[in-house]
Amino acid sequence: MYLEHQLLPELAEELDVDVAIFCDADTQAYEEGFSIREVSPNPRLYGFNIHSMGPEWLLALAAQVGREPKKAVLITISGERFDFSNTPTPACLERIERAEKAFHDYWTQN
């Protein structure tokens, strides 16, 4: 298991695994408060800073160096505050708990 706080290009070499699970917060308000979806390599960047590199970009880089995982899943939580706190808001914690249960159900069915 490999855990990181931020996606960095160096992580592409670590993606020679069966399953890569990416977790992120987003400003998008998902109906259920979260989204779970499989992701595929896509080399397109949507900006010019470190936050422009999403899981799809990292997967494309991993594929270029022969390290692409067999399956990749992105769990995205609807966020509400994006300051420098390490503690999610109570509402966000509730969405995280629901996403965790939904991911468990997703994983056991796939």
C-alpha atoms as a PDB file:
ATOM      1  CA  MET A   1       0.000   0.000   0.000  1.00  0.00           C
ATOM      2  CA  TYR A   2       1.267   3.455  -0.902  1.00  0.00           C
ATOM      3  CA  LEU A   3      -0.304   6.613   0.557  1.00  0.00           C
ATOM      4  CA  GLU A   4       0.413  10.172  -0.567  1.00  0.00           C
ATOM      5  CA  HIS A   5      -1.143  13.538   0.110  1.00  0.00           C
ATOM      6  CA  GLN A   6      -0.521  14.973  -3.374  1.00  0.00           C
ATOM      7  CA  LEU A   7      -0.206  13.468  -6.840  1.00  0.00           C
ATOM      8  CA  LEU A   8       3.352  13.916  -8.059  1.00  0.00           C
ATOM      9  CA  PRO A   9       4.945  12.663 -11.301  1.00  0.00           C
ATOM     10  CA  GLU A  10       7.303  10.415  -9.311  1.00  0.00           C
ATOM     11  CA  LEU A  11       4.304   8.324  -8.223  1.00  0.00           C
ATOM     12  CA  ALA A  12       3.944   6.954 -11.771  1.00  0.00           C
ATOM     13  CA  GLU A  13       6.685   4.428 -11.013  1.00  0.00           C
ATOM     14  CA  GLU A  14       4.713   3.165  -7.993  1.00  0.00           C
ATOM     15  CA  LEU A  15       1.584   2.332 -10.018  1.00  0.00           C
ATOM     16  CA  ASP A  16       2.662  -1.145 -11.108  1.00  0.00           C
ATOM     17  CA  VAL A  17      -0.165  -2.607  -8.984  1.00  0.00           C
ATOM     18  CA  ASP A  18      -3.398  -4.514  -9.548  1.00  0.00           C
ATOM     19  CA  VAL A  19      -5.626  -1.677  -8.301  1.00  0.00           C
ATOM     20  CA  ALA A  20      -4.966   2.019  -7.706  1.00  0.00           C
ATOM     21  CA  ILE A  21      -7.506   3.909  -5.616  1.00  0.00           C
ATOM     22  CA  PHE A  22      -7.426   7.695  -5.759  1.00  0.00           C
ATOM     23  CA  CYS A  23      -9.363   9.854  -3.289  1.00  0.00           C
ATOM     24  CA  ASP A  24      -9.979  13.561  -3.709  1.00  0.00           C
ATOM     25  CA  ALA A  25     -12.244  16.437  -2.751  1.00  0.00           C
ATOM     26  CA  ASP A  26     -13.895  18.632  -5.350  1.00  0.00           C
ATOM     27  CA  THR A  27     -15.974  21.792  -5.490  1.00  0.00           C
ATOM     28  CA  GLN A  28     -18.582  19.943  -7.565  1.00  0.00           C
ATOM     29  CA  ALA A  29     -21.751  19.164  -5.601  1.00  0.00           C
ATOM     30  CA  TYR A  30     -22.452  15.521  -6.396  1.00  0.00           C
ATOM     31  CA  GLU A  31     -26.043  14.406  -5.820  1.00  0.00           C
ATOM     32  CA  GLU A  32     -25.029  11.815  -3.222  1.00  0.00           C
ATOM     33  CA  GLY A  33     -22.189  13.972  -1.889  1.00  0.00           C
ATOM     34  CA  PHE A  34     -19.548  11.812  -3.600  1.00  0.00           C
ATOM     35  CA  SER A  35     -18.681  10.034  -6.819  1.00  0.00           C
ATOM     36  CA  ILE A  36     -17.059   6.642  -7.425  1.00  0.00           C
ATOM     37  CA  ARG A  37     -15.860   5.861 -10.927  1.00  0.00           C
ATOM     38  CA  GLU A  38     -13.208   3.951 -12.787  1.00  0.00           C
ATOM     39  CA  VAL A  39     -10.609   6.140 -14.484  1.00  0.00           C
ATOM     40  CA  SER A  40      -8.377   5.576 -17.494  1.00  0.00           C
ATOM     41  CA  PRO A  41      -5.157   7.185 -18.712  1.00  0.00           C
ATOM     42  CA  ASN A  42      -5.515  10.668 -20.235  1.00  0.00           C
ATOM     43  CA  PRO A  43      -2.372  12.757 -20.795  1.00  0.00           C
ATOM     44  CA  ARG A  44      -4.244  16.083 -21.035  1.00  0.00           C
ATOM     45  CA  LEU A  45      -3.478  18.693 -18.377  1.00  0.00           C
ATOM     46  CA  TYR A  46      -6.120  21.233 -17.397  1.00  0.00           C
ATOM     47  CA  GLY A  47      -3.851  23.990 -16.077  1.00  0.00           C
ATOM     48  CA  PHE A  48      -0.263  24.834 -15.333  1.00  0.00           C
ATOM     49  CA  ASN A  49       0.323  23.917 -11.696  1.00  0.00           C
ATOM     50  CA  ILE A  50       0.654  20.806  -9.547  1.00  0.00           C
ATOM     51  CA  HIS A  51      -3.131  20.621  -9.113  1.00  0.00           C
ATOM     52  CA  SER A  52      -3.524  20.206 -12.875  1.00  0.00           C
ATOM     53  CA  MET A  53      -2.328  16.613 -12.644  1.00  0.00           C
ATOM     54  CA  GLY A  54      -5.290  14.365 -11.959  1.00  0.00           C
ATOM     55  CA  PRO A  55      -5.318  10.591 -11.645  1.00  0.00           C
ATOM     56  CA  GLU A  56      -5.901  10.222 -15.383  1.00  0.00           C
ATOM     57  CA  TRP A  57      -2.728  12.179 -16.178  1.00  0.00           C
ATOM     58  CA  LEU A  58      -0.716  10.166 -13.661  1.00  0.00           C
ATOM     59  CA  LEU A  59      -2.070   6.928 -15.173  1.00  0.00           C
ATOM     60  CA  ALA A  60      -0.989   8.099 -18.644  1.00  0.00           C
ATOM     61  CA  LEU A  61       2.504   8.810 -17.331  1.00  0.00           C
ATOM     62  CA  ALA A  62       2.567   5.393 -15.613  1.00  0.00           C
ATOM     63  CA  ALA A  63       1.594   3.733 -18.900  1.00  0.00           C
ATOM     64  CA  GLN A  64       4.494   5.493 -20.643  1.00  0.00           C
ATOM     65  CA  VAL A  65       6.966   3.946 -18.187  1.00  0.00           C
ATOM     66  CA  GLY A  66       5.253   0.522 -18.190  1.00  0.00           C
ATOM     67  CA  ARG A  67       3.704   0.840 -14.711  1.00  0.00           C
ATOM     68  CA  GLU A  68      -0.021   1.245 -15.411  1.00  0.00           C
ATOM     69  CA  PRO A  69      -2.292  -0.513 -12.882  1.00  0.00           C
ATOM     70  CA  LYS A  70      -4.795  -3.086 -14.096  1.00  0.00           C
ATOM     71  CA  LYS A  71      -7.666  -1.054 -12.628  1.00  0.00           C
ATOM     72  CA  ALA A  72      -7.963   2.484 -11.243  1.00  0.00           C
ATOM     73  CA  VAL A  73     -10.835   3.972  -9.245  1.00  0.00           C
ATOM     74  CA  LEU A  74     -11.406   7.584  -8.237  1.00  0.00           C
ATOM     75  CA  ILE A  75     -13.481   8.417  -5.164  1.00  0.00           C
ATOM     76  CA  THR A  76     -14.391  12.114  -5.112  1.00  0.00           C
ATOM     77  CA  ILE A  77     -16.058  13.829  -2.161  1.00  0.00           C
ATOM     78  CA  SER A  78     -17.985  17.080  -2.541  1.00  0.00           C
ATOM     79  CA  GLY A  79     -15.990  19.583  -0.515  1.00  0.00           C
ATOM     80  CA  GLU A  80     -17.049  22.879   0.935  1.00  0.00           C
ATOM     81  CA  ARG A  81     -13.883  24.429   2.374  1.00  0.00           C
ATOM     82  CA  PHE A  82     -10.482  24.266   0.768  1.00  0.00           C
ATOM     83  CA  ASP A  83      -8.276  26.108   3.216  1.00  0.00           C
ATOM     84  CA  PHE A  84      -5.151  24.688   4.852  1.00  0.00           C
ATOM     85  CA  SER A  85      -6.919  22.660   7.523  1.00  0.00           C
ATOM     86  CA  ASN A  86      -6.199  18.957   7.999  1.00  0.00           C
ATOM     87  CA  THR A  87      -9.656  18.377   9.476  1.00  0.00           C
ATOM     88  CA  PRO A  88     -12.716  17.978   7.236  1.00  0.00           C
ATOM     89  CA  THR A  89     -15.896  19.805   8.184  1.00  0.00           C
ATOM     90  CA  PRO A  90     -18.615  17.741   9.934  1.00  0.00           C
ATOM     91  CA  ALA A  91     -20.688  17.727   6.723  1.00  0.00           C
ATOM     92  CA  CYS A  92     -17.696  16.539   4.713  1.00  0.00           C
ATOM     93  CA  LEU A  93     -16.951  13.817   7.282  1.00  0.00           C
ATOM     94  CA  GLU A  94     -20.494  12.547   6.836  1.00  0.00           C
ATOM     95  CA  ARG A  95     -20.022  12.418   3.043  1.00  0.00           C
ATOM     96  CA  ILE A  96     -16.722  10.585   3.526  1.00  0.00           C
ATOM     97  CA  GLU A  97     -18.447   7.958   5.680  1.00  0.00           C
ATOM     98  CA  ARG A  98     -21.195   7.468   3.074  1.00  0.00           C
ATOM     99  CA  ALA A  99     -18.597   7.225   0.297  1.00  0.00           C
ATOM    100  CA  GLU A 100     -16.660   4.637   2.296  1.00  0.00           C
ATOM    101  CA  LYS A 101     -19.770   2.468   2.652  1.00  0.00           C
ATOM    102  CA  ALA A 102     -20.636   2.913  -1.031  1.00  0.00           C
ATOM    103  CA  PHE A 103     -17.090   1.983  -2.034  1.00  0.00           C
ATOM    104  CA  HIS A 104     -17.298  -1.153   0.099  1.00  0.00           C
ATOM    105  CA  ASP A 105     -20.504  -2.102  -1.749  1.00  0.00           C
ATOM    106  CA  TYR A 106     -18.906  -1.240  -5.120  1.00  0.00           C
ATOM    107  CA  TRP A 107     -15.813  -3.309  -4.312  1.00  0.00           C
ATOM    108  CA  THR A 108     -17.738  -6.402  -3.254  1.00  0.00           C
ATOM    109  CA  GLN A 109     -19.839  -6.267  -6.443  1.00  0.00           C
ATOM    110  CA  ASN A 110     -16.914  -5.790  -8.845  1.00  0.00           C
END
